[in-house]
N, C-alpha and C. Protein backbone atom coordinates (compact mmCIF):
# COMPACT_ATOMS: atom_id res chain seq x y z
N MET A 1 -51.07 -160.87 -19.00
CA MET A 1 -51.09 -160.56 -19.86
C MET A 1 -52.78 -159.89 -20.82
N THR A 2 -52.82 -159.61 -21.97
CA THR A 2 -54.43 -158.92 -21.22
C THR A 2 -55.05 -159.61 -22.76
N LEU A 3 -56.74 -160.61 -22.67
CA LEU A 3 -56.63 -161.56 -23.58
C LEU A 3 -56.33 -161.39 -24.73
N LEU A 4 -56.30 -159.61 -25.76
CA LEU A 4 -56.17 -159.28 -27.08
C LEU A 4 -54.78 -159.59 -26.92
N ALA A 5 -53.96 -159.73 -26.39
CA ALA A 5 -52.37 -160.22 -26.00
C ALA A 5 -52.30 -161.45 -26.53
N LYS A 6 -53.07 -161.90 -25.75
CA LYS A 6 -52.96 -163.64 -25.31
C LYS A 6 -53.63 -164.50 -27.12
N LEU A 7 -54.78 -163.52 -27.77
CA LEU A 7 -55.36 -163.65 -28.36
C LEU A 7 -54.33 -163.69 -30.28
N LYS A 8 -53.93 -162.76 -29.67
CA LYS A 8 -52.49 -162.23 -31.15
C LYS A 8 -51.54 -162.57 -31.21
N GLU A 9 -50.68 -163.28 -30.11
CA GLU A 9 -50.04 -164.33 -30.13
C GLU A 9 -49.89 -165.91 -30.08
N PHE A 10 -51.79 -166.25 -29.59
CA PHE A 10 -52.77 -166.80 -30.70
C PHE A 10 -52.70 -167.19 -32.22
N THR A 11 -53.02 -165.64 -32.95
CA THR A 11 -53.07 -165.61 -33.78
C THR A 11 -51.46 -165.40 -34.70
N ASP A 12 -50.78 -165.25 -34.07
CA ASP A 12 -49.21 -165.82 -35.05
C ASP A 12 -48.94 -166.12 -34.95
N ARG A 13 -49.04 -167.26 -33.52
CA ARG A 13 -48.46 -168.89 -34.25
C ARG A 13 -49.38 -169.90 -34.42
N LEU A 14 -50.36 -169.74 -34.76
CA LEU A 14 -51.62 -170.26 -35.35
C LEU A 14 -51.53 -169.91 -37.28
N LEU A 15 -50.79 -169.06 -37.27
CA LEU A 15 -50.96 -168.76 -38.54
C LEU A 15 -49.72 -168.34 -39.27
N GLY A 16 -48.58 -167.40 -38.51
CA GLY A 16 -47.72 -167.61 -39.28
C GLY A 16 -48.05 -165.41 -39.08
N GLU A 17 -46.71 -164.44 -39.31
CA GLU A 17 -47.62 -163.36 -39.18
C GLU A 17 -47.73 -162.81 -40.70
N ASP A 18 -46.48 -163.48 -41.66
CA ASP A 18 -47.09 -163.26 -43.01
C ASP A 18 -48.73 -164.12 -43.40
N GLN A 19 -49.27 -164.72 -43.47
CA GLN A 19 -50.58 -165.21 -43.14
C GLN A 19 -51.34 -164.20 -42.70
N ARG A 20 -51.29 -163.86 -41.95
CA ARG A 20 -51.86 -162.93 -40.72
C ARG A 20 -52.41 -161.24 -41.34
N ALA A 21 -50.86 -161.34 -42.32
CA ALA A 21 -51.30 -159.65 -43.06
C ALA A 21 -52.15 -160.27 -44.40
N LYS A 22 -51.58 -161.73 -44.84
CA LYS A 22 -52.35 -161.70 -45.94
C LYS A 22 -54.13 -161.37 -46.41
N THR A 23 -54.21 -162.20 -44.53
CA THR A 23 -55.42 -162.07 -44.83
C THR A 23 -56.41 -161.24 -44.52
N LEU A 24 -55.74 -160.28 -43.25
CA LEU A 24 -56.63 -158.93 -43.07
C LEU A 24 -56.11 -158.34 -44.32
N ARG A 25 -54.92 -157.54 -45.49
CA ARG A 25 -55.31 -157.32 -46.69
C ARG A 25 -56.20 -158.66 -47.35
N GLU A 26 -56.30 -159.07 -47.85
CA GLU A 26 -57.54 -160.09 -48.44
C GLU A 26 -58.82 -158.93 -47.25
N GLU A 27 -59.31 -159.58 -45.90
CA GLU A 27 -60.27 -158.97 -46.20
C GLU A 27 -60.65 -157.48 -45.92
N GLU A 28 -59.62 -156.00 -46.16
CA GLU A 28 -59.66 -154.95 -46.53
C GLU A 28 -59.81 -154.95 -48.22
N LEU A 29 -59.35 -155.71 -48.76
CA LEU A 29 -59.66 -155.85 -50.35
C LEU A 29 -61.12 -155.60 -50.28
N GLN A 30 -61.79 -156.79 -49.72
CA GLN A 30 -63.04 -157.14 -49.73
C GLN A 30 -63.95 -155.93 -49.18
N LEU A 31 -63.79 -155.06 -47.98
CA LEU A 31 -64.75 -154.55 -47.13
C LEU A 31 -64.37 -153.12 -48.28
N ALA A 32 -62.90 -152.83 -49.29
CA ALA A 32 -63.31 -151.29 -50.03
C ALA A 32 -63.91 -152.03 -51.54
N ALA A 33 -63.73 -153.90 -51.80
CA ALA A 33 -64.83 -153.42 -52.82
C ALA A 33 -66.09 -153.95 -53.45
N ALA A 34 -66.64 -154.09 -51.12
CA ALA A 34 -68.28 -154.36 -51.26
C ALA A 34 -68.74 -152.60 -51.44
N ALA A 35 -67.60 -151.68 -50.10
CA ALA A 35 -68.47 -150.46 -50.15
C ALA A 35 -68.47 -149.22 -51.53
N LEU A 36 -66.97 -149.83 -52.26
CA LEU A 36 -67.62 -149.45 -53.78
C LEU A 36 -68.55 -149.90 -53.83
N LEU A 37 -68.52 -150.97 -53.96
CA LEU A 37 -70.69 -151.34 -54.77
C LEU A 37 -71.82 -150.59 -54.18
N VAL A 38 -71.83 -150.94 -53.21
CA VAL A 38 -72.37 -150.67 -52.49
C VAL A 38 -73.53 -149.09 -52.60
N HIS A 39 -71.87 -148.73 -52.74
CA HIS A 39 -72.54 -146.89 -52.83
C HIS A 39 -72.63 -147.02 -54.03
N ALA A 40 -72.60 -147.47 -54.91
CA ALA A 40 -73.04 -147.97 -57.10
C ALA A 40 -73.92 -148.83 -56.16
N THR A 41 -74.94 -149.42 -55.76
CA THR A 41 -76.42 -149.82 -55.85
C THR A 41 -77.57 -148.54 -54.98
N GLY A 42 -76.48 -147.36 -54.52
CA GLY A 42 -77.77 -146.54 -54.12
C GLY A 42 -77.34 -145.04 -54.88
N VAL A 43 -76.70 -144.56 -56.23
CA VAL A 43 -76.18 -143.83 -55.66
C VAL A 43 -77.02 -142.46 -56.61
N ASP A 44 -77.94 -143.43 -56.81
CA ASP A 44 -79.00 -143.57 -57.88
C ASP A 44 -80.35 -142.79 -57.45
N GLY A 45 -79.78 -142.30 -56.59
CA GLY A 45 -81.19 -142.34 -55.22
C GLY A 45 -82.30 -143.85 -54.46
N HIS A 46 -81.45 -144.40 -55.01
CA HIS A 46 -82.85 -145.83 -55.06
C HIS A 46 -82.19 -147.01 -55.11
N VAL A 47 -82.23 -148.23 -54.31
CA VAL A 47 -81.61 -149.10 -54.16
C VAL A 47 -82.33 -150.30 -54.85
N ASP A 48 -82.32 -150.67 -55.68
CA ASP A 48 -83.28 -151.65 -56.66
C ASP A 48 -83.24 -152.78 -56.30
N PRO A 49 -83.98 -153.76 -56.15
CA PRO A 49 -83.84 -155.05 -55.54
C PRO A 49 -82.73 -156.00 -56.34
N GLU A 50 -82.96 -155.39 -57.69
CA GLU A 50 -81.55 -156.39 -58.19
C GLU A 50 -80.38 -156.29 -58.73
N GLU A 51 -80.35 -154.83 -57.75
CA GLU A 51 -78.81 -154.43 -58.01
C GLU A 51 -78.37 -154.86 -56.41
N ARG A 52 -78.93 -155.31 -55.69
CA ARG A 52 -78.20 -156.31 -54.41
C ARG A 52 -78.60 -157.39 -54.83
N ARG A 53 -78.86 -158.18 -55.22
CA ARG A 53 -78.98 -159.57 -56.02
C ARG A 53 -78.10 -159.92 -56.44
N LYS A 54 -76.96 -158.72 -57.90
CA LYS A 54 -76.04 -158.62 -58.31
C LYS A 54 -74.83 -157.89 -57.47
N LEU A 55 -75.47 -157.47 -56.46
CA LEU A 55 -73.88 -157.25 -54.87
C LEU A 55 -73.97 -158.87 -54.81
N LYS A 56 -74.46 -159.58 -54.62
CA LYS A 56 -74.74 -160.40 -53.26
C LYS A 56 -74.18 -161.14 -54.76
N ASN A 57 -74.01 -161.96 -55.35
CA ASN A 57 -73.93 -162.71 -57.31
C ASN A 57 -72.12 -162.42 -56.99
N LEU A 58 -71.88 -160.75 -57.42
CA LEU A 58 -70.78 -160.80 -57.34
C LEU A 58 -69.93 -160.32 -56.65
N MET A 59 -70.18 -160.11 -55.18
CA MET A 59 -69.17 -160.67 -53.89
C MET A 59 -68.84 -162.53 -53.68
N GLN A 60 -70.24 -163.06 -54.12
CA GLN A 60 -69.54 -164.67 -53.14
C GLN A 60 -69.34 -165.32 -54.14
N LYS A 61 -68.83 -164.87 -55.77
CA LYS A 61 -68.48 -165.49 -56.29
C LYS A 61 -66.27 -164.72 -57.18
N ARG A 62 -67.03 -163.30 -57.23
CA ARG A 62 -65.33 -162.86 -56.85
C ARG A 62 -64.23 -163.24 -55.47
N PHE A 63 -65.50 -163.29 -54.29
CA PHE A 63 -64.04 -163.64 -53.42
C PHE A 63 -64.36 -164.81 -52.41
N ASN A 64 -65.16 -165.79 -53.30
CA ASN A 64 -66.20 -167.10 -52.70
C ASN A 64 -66.21 -167.23 -51.09
N LEU A 65 -67.18 -166.01 -50.56
CA LEU A 65 -67.66 -166.07 -49.41
C LEU A 65 -68.91 -167.02 -49.49
N ASP A 66 -69.10 -167.03 -47.81
CA ASP A 66 -70.69 -167.75 -47.44
C ASP A 66 -71.30 -167.44 -47.38
N GLU A 67 -73.33 -167.31 -47.17
CA GLU A 67 -73.80 -166.60 -46.76
C GLU A 67 -73.26 -165.26 -45.58
N THR A 68 -72.89 -165.75 -44.18
CA THR A 68 -72.64 -165.85 -42.98
C THR A 68 -71.59 -164.31 -43.54
N GLU A 69 -70.39 -164.91 -44.26
CA GLU A 69 -69.37 -164.06 -44.72
C GLU A 69 -70.13 -162.85 -45.33
N PHE A 70 -70.57 -163.17 -46.42
CA PHE A 70 -71.32 -161.98 -47.49
C PHE A 70 -71.95 -160.43 -46.24
N ARG A 71 -73.06 -161.12 -45.43
CA ARG A 71 -73.32 -160.99 -44.65
C ARG A 71 -72.26 -159.31 -43.79
N ARG A 72 -71.74 -160.35 -43.03
CA ARG A 72 -70.88 -159.25 -42.23
C ARG A 72 -69.87 -158.41 -42.96
N ILE A 73 -69.47 -158.42 -44.23
CA ILE A 73 -68.67 -158.33 -44.62
C ILE A 73 -69.07 -156.68 -45.58
N VAL A 74 -71.13 -157.06 -46.40
CA VAL A 74 -71.71 -155.91 -46.12
C VAL A 74 -71.63 -155.40 -45.10
N GLY A 75 -72.20 -155.93 -44.38
CA GLY A 75 -72.67 -154.48 -43.10
C GLY A 75 -71.19 -154.20 -43.24
N GLU A 76 -70.60 -154.05 -42.19
CA GLU A 76 -69.37 -153.47 -42.31
C GLU A 76 -68.99 -152.39 -43.67
N ALA A 77 -69.05 -153.16 -44.70
CA ALA A 77 -69.53 -151.90 -45.99
C ALA A 77 -70.33 -151.10 -45.99
N GLU A 78 -71.58 -151.53 -45.56
CA GLU A 78 -72.44 -150.16 -45.35
C GLU A 78 -72.34 -149.31 -44.35
N ALA A 79 -71.16 -149.76 -43.06
CA ALA A 79 -71.15 -148.73 -42.56
C ALA A 79 -70.30 -147.51 -42.87
N TRP A 80 -68.80 -147.93 -43.39
CA TRP A 80 -67.82 -147.47 -44.00
C TRP A 80 -68.64 -146.66 -44.93
N GLU A 81 -69.39 -147.19 -46.05
CA GLU A 81 -69.81 -146.16 -47.38
C GLU A 81 -70.33 -144.92 -46.64
N HIS A 82 -71.18 -145.46 -45.59
CA HIS A 82 -72.20 -143.94 -44.81
C HIS A 82 -71.69 -143.25 -43.86
N GLU A 83 -69.60 -143.30 -44.22
CA GLU A 83 -69.08 -142.70 -43.41
C GLU A 83 -68.66 -142.24 -44.22
N ALA A 84 -67.95 -142.88 -44.89
CA ALA A 84 -66.90 -141.81 -46.55
C ALA A 84 -67.34 -140.21 -47.02
N VAL A 85 -66.24 -140.17 -46.88
CA VAL A 85 -67.30 -138.89 -47.68
C VAL A 85 -66.52 -138.83 -49.10
N ASP A 86 -65.54 -139.49 -49.70
CA ASP A 86 -65.00 -139.11 -51.21
C ASP A 86 -65.17 -140.90 -51.30
N LEU A 87 -64.89 -141.39 -52.48
CA LEU A 87 -64.24 -142.29 -53.05
C LEU A 87 -62.92 -143.13 -52.33
N TYR A 88 -62.20 -141.69 -52.80
CA TYR A 88 -60.75 -142.01 -52.15
C TYR A 88 -60.53 -143.52 -51.14
N SER A 89 -61.08 -143.06 -50.19
CA SER A 89 -60.65 -144.68 -49.03
C SER A 89 -61.27 -145.99 -49.91
N PHE A 90 -61.86 -145.92 -50.74
CA PHE A 90 -61.78 -147.87 -51.17
C PHE A 90 -61.03 -147.34 -52.30
N THR A 91 -61.05 -146.42 -53.22
CA THR A 91 -60.61 -147.04 -54.19
C THR A 91 -59.05 -147.31 -54.22
N SER A 92 -58.51 -146.03 -52.74
CA SER A 92 -56.59 -146.61 -52.74
C SER A 92 -56.61 -147.62 -52.11
N VAL A 93 -57.19 -148.20 -51.49
CA VAL A 93 -57.30 -149.69 -51.08
C VAL A 93 -57.02 -150.74 -51.50
N LEU A 94 -57.70 -150.88 -53.43
CA LEU A 94 -57.85 -151.48 -54.91
C LEU A 94 -57.20 -150.96 -55.56
N CYS A 95 -56.35 -149.97 -55.55
CA CYS A 95 -55.41 -149.77 -55.72
C CYS A 95 -54.36 -150.05 -55.11
N ARG A 96 -54.26 -150.19 -54.22
CA ARG A 96 -52.74 -150.70 -53.61
C ARG A 96 -53.11 -152.55 -53.64
N GLU A 97 -53.88 -153.51 -53.85
CA GLU A 97 -54.29 -154.47 -52.87
C GLU A 97 -54.46 -155.01 -55.04
N LEU A 98 -54.90 -153.97 -55.41
CA LEU A 98 -54.74 -155.54 -56.94
C LEU A 98 -54.37 -154.64 -58.38
N ASP A 99 -53.55 -155.78 -59.08
CA ASP A 99 -53.07 -155.45 -59.97
C ASP A 99 -54.36 -154.58 -61.06
N GLN A 100 -53.70 -154.65 -62.27
CA GLN A 100 -54.88 -153.30 -64.07
C GLN A 100 -55.37 -154.37 -64.00
N GLU A 101 -55.25 -155.03 -63.72
CA GLU A 101 -57.05 -156.75 -64.00
C GLU A 101 -57.64 -156.54 -63.28
N GLY A 102 -56.66 -156.71 -61.68
CA GLY A 102 -58.04 -157.37 -60.95
C GLY A 102 -58.68 -155.52 -60.94
N ARG A 103 -57.88 -154.32 -60.80
CA ARG A 103 -58.42 -153.21 -61.11
C ARG A 103 -60.13 -153.20 -62.57
N GLN A 104 -59.20 -153.14 -63.36
CA GLN A 104 -60.59 -153.75 -64.59
C GLN A 104 -61.98 -154.30 -63.73
N ARG A 105 -61.84 -155.54 -63.23
CA ARG A 105 -62.17 -156.19 -63.39
C ARG A 105 -63.20 -155.36 -61.76
N ILE A 106 -62.63 -154.59 -61.05
CA ILE A 106 -63.88 -153.71 -60.23
C ILE A 106 -64.71 -153.04 -61.16
N VAL A 107 -63.86 -152.30 -61.95
CA VAL A 107 -64.65 -151.63 -63.06
C VAL A 107 -66.51 -152.15 -63.72
N GLU A 108 -66.09 -153.16 -63.78
CA GLU A 108 -66.73 -154.33 -64.59
C GLU A 108 -68.07 -154.86 -64.13
N MET A 109 -67.42 -154.82 -62.43
CA MET A 109 -68.61 -154.66 -61.46
C MET A 109 -69.49 -153.78 -61.90
N LEU A 110 -68.57 -152.60 -60.92
CA LEU A 110 -69.60 -151.08 -61.27
C LEU A 110 -70.29 -151.07 -62.02
N TRP A 111 -70.19 -151.90 -63.65
CA TRP A 111 -70.92 -152.15 -64.47
C TRP A 111 -71.98 -152.79 -64.28
N GLU A 112 -71.85 -154.16 -63.66
CA GLU A 112 -72.88 -154.82 -63.70
C GLU A 112 -73.84 -154.23 -62.53
N ILE A 113 -73.35 -153.85 -61.55
CA ILE A 113 -73.99 -153.42 -60.62
C ILE A 113 -75.04 -152.63 -61.14
N VAL A 114 -74.67 -150.97 -61.87
CA VAL A 114 -75.47 -149.59 -61.83
C VAL A 114 -76.43 -150.59 -63.25
N LEU A 115 -76.08 -151.21 -64.10
CA LEU A 115 -77.20 -151.79 -64.45
C LEU A 115 -78.14 -153.04 -64.27
N ALA A 116 -77.58 -153.30 -63.49
CA ALA A 116 -78.96 -154.41 -63.16
C ALA A 116 -80.46 -154.14 -63.14
N ASP A 117 -81.19 -152.87 -62.84
CA ASP A 117 -81.52 -152.49 -63.22
C ASP A 117 -82.38 -152.16 -64.17
N GLY A 118 -81.54 -152.49 -64.88
CA GLY A 118 -81.34 -152.11 -66.78
C GLY A 118 -82.00 -150.53 -67.30
N VAL A 119 -81.39 -150.32 -65.89
CA VAL A 119 -81.27 -148.08 -66.18
C VAL A 119 -80.02 -147.99 -66.56
N LEU A 120 -79.61 -146.81 -67.35
CA LEU A 120 -78.19 -146.33 -66.86
C LEU A 120 -78.67 -144.44 -66.26
N HIS A 121 -78.81 -144.74 -64.52
CA HIS A 121 -78.48 -142.80 -64.55
C HIS A 121 -77.68 -142.51 -64.47
N GLU A 122 -77.48 -141.06 -64.87
CA GLU A 122 -76.62 -140.28 -64.95
C GLU A 122 -75.32 -140.28 -63.82
N PHE A 123 -76.07 -140.35 -62.28
CA PHE A 123 -75.79 -140.67 -61.66
C PHE A 123 -73.86 -141.87 -61.73
N GLU A 124 -75.20 -143.31 -61.78
CA GLU A 124 -74.22 -144.30 -61.73
C GLU A 124 -73.71 -144.16 -63.20
N ASP A 125 -73.18 -143.74 -64.12
CA ASP A 125 -72.34 -143.36 -65.45
C ASP A 125 -71.51 -142.40 -64.59
N ASN A 126 -71.68 -140.94 -63.75
CA ASN A 126 -70.41 -140.28 -62.81
C ASN A 126 -69.83 -141.49 -62.80
N LEU A 127 -70.26 -142.37 -61.33
CA LEU A 127 -69.61 -142.83 -60.21
C LEU A 127 -68.49 -143.73 -61.02
N VAL A 128 -68.73 -143.95 -62.10
CA VAL A 128 -68.35 -145.65 -63.28
C VAL A 128 -67.33 -144.74 -63.75
N ALA A 129 -67.56 -143.59 -64.18
CA ALA A 129 -66.28 -143.37 -64.87
C ALA A 129 -65.24 -142.59 -62.69
N ARG A 130 -65.67 -141.88 -62.59
CA ARG A 130 -64.46 -141.02 -61.30
C ARG A 130 -64.58 -142.19 -61.11
N SER A 131 -64.43 -143.83 -60.88
CA SER A 131 -64.03 -144.65 -59.76
C SER A 131 -63.54 -145.10 -60.44
N ALA A 132 -63.06 -145.63 -61.92
CA ALA A 132 -62.05 -145.84 -62.92
C ALA A 132 -60.81 -144.80 -62.96
N GLU A 133 -62.12 -144.08 -62.84
CA GLU A 133 -60.55 -142.52 -63.42
C GLU A 133 -59.00 -142.43 -61.59
N LEU A 134 -60.27 -142.75 -60.64
CA LEU A 134 -59.37 -143.41 -59.55
C LEU A 134 -58.85 -144.47 -59.32
N LEU A 135 -58.79 -145.17 -59.84
CA LEU A 135 -58.72 -146.82 -59.64
C LEU A 135 -57.34 -147.11 -61.09
N GLY A 136 -57.38 -145.15 -61.63
CA GLY A 136 -55.80 -145.70 -63.05
C GLY A 136 -56.58 -147.06 -63.97
N VAL A 137 -57.95 -146.81 -64.67
CA VAL A 137 -59.16 -148.04 -65.11
C VAL A 137 -58.53 -146.69 -66.38
N SER A 138 -57.70 -147.19 -68.18
CA SER A 138 -57.92 -145.74 -69.13
C SER A 138 -59.61 -146.17 -69.45
N SER A 139 -59.87 -144.28 -69.85
CA SER A 139 -61.19 -144.56 -70.47
C SER A 139 -62.00 -145.69 -70.94
N ARG A 140 -60.50 -145.17 -72.19
CA ARG A 140 -60.57 -147.42 -73.04
C ARG A 140 -61.49 -148.13 -72.65
N ASP A 141 -60.59 -148.61 -71.28
CA ASP A 141 -60.70 -149.82 -70.98
C ASP A 141 -61.29 -149.66 -70.16
N ARG A 142 -62.37 -148.09 -69.77
CA ARG A 142 -64.38 -147.80 -68.97
C ARG A 142 -65.47 -148.69 -69.78
N ALA A 143 -64.94 -147.67 -71.26
CA ALA A 143 -65.87 -148.03 -72.12
C ALA A 143 -65.67 -149.61 -72.49
N ARG A 144 -64.83 -150.26 -72.66
CA ARG A 144 -64.98 -151.22 -73.92
C ARG A 144 -65.11 -152.86 -72.46
N LEU A 145 -64.95 -152.02 -70.94
CA LEU A 145 -65.89 -153.02 -70.19
C LEU A 145 -67.14 -152.19 -70.22
N HIS A 146 -67.53 -151.28 -70.86
CA HIS A 146 -69.18 -151.73 -70.62
C HIS A 146 -69.92 -152.06 -71.82
N ILE A 147 -69.09 -151.90 -72.39
CA ILE A 147 -69.63 -152.66 -74.32
C ILE A 147 -70.86 -153.91 -74.06
N PRO A 148 -70.69 -155.10 -73.43
CA PRO A 148 -71.46 -156.19 -73.06
C PRO A 148 -73.23 -155.80 -72.28
N TYR A 149 -72.65 -154.05 -72.30
CA TYR A 149 -73.77 -153.90 -70.96
C TYR A 149 -74.56 -152.20 -71.96
N SER A 150 -74.23 -151.88 -73.34
CA SER A 150 -75.10 -150.73 -73.54
C SER A 150 -76.12 -150.36 -74.27
N ASP A 151 -76.38 -151.49 -74.50
CA ASP A 151 -77.83 -152.29 -75.05
C ASP A 151 -78.63 -151.31 -73.54
N TYR A 152 -78.74 -151.07 -72.17
CA TYR A 152 -79.47 -150.39 -71.17
C TYR A 152 -80.25 -149.03 -72.15
N GLU A 153 -81.29 -148.34 -71.28
CA GLU A 153 -81.98 -147.74 -70.95
C GLU A 153 -81.33 -146.41 -70.88
N THR A 154 -81.18 -145.47 -71.05
CA THR A 154 -79.94 -144.33 -69.90
C THR A 154 -81.49 -143.14 -69.69
N ASP A 155 -80.80 -142.73 -67.99
CA ASP A 155 -82.30 -141.80 -67.57
C ASP A 155 -81.37 -140.57 -67.37
N HIS A 156 -81.01 -139.99 -67.94
CA HIS A 156 -80.66 -138.15 -67.70
C HIS A 156 -81.76 -137.80 -67.53
């Protein structure tokens, strides 16, 4: 028996198959959310330090991550985001794992990221719109989720 097989057997016994599957789905959800949010931090061609701080705050708060977990997940998410050719690879996971309220929360998090630097760039606005559409969040809900952040300067 290989080391990997022994480790899987031990994990299956320790956590049980259902718990293991749930843990893997939760990690995939965290990675997909982080990859989408990482993409949002740089979509305007500049990664602002305030956007990175907001990313950290949102991820730690939403997923109850400690510093080590946050760094690991964001590192993996950055690699995934760098290799991705579109947003579907992230949003499909989010659609599968989240209900409508959870998907709306992702759109709200996107607004918080793209507006963290106080400027809404047209690429950022487009990213939120495309992501919301892929997540099945209506234009009306997307606009409603933007309301608390609507006083920001636009850069078109």
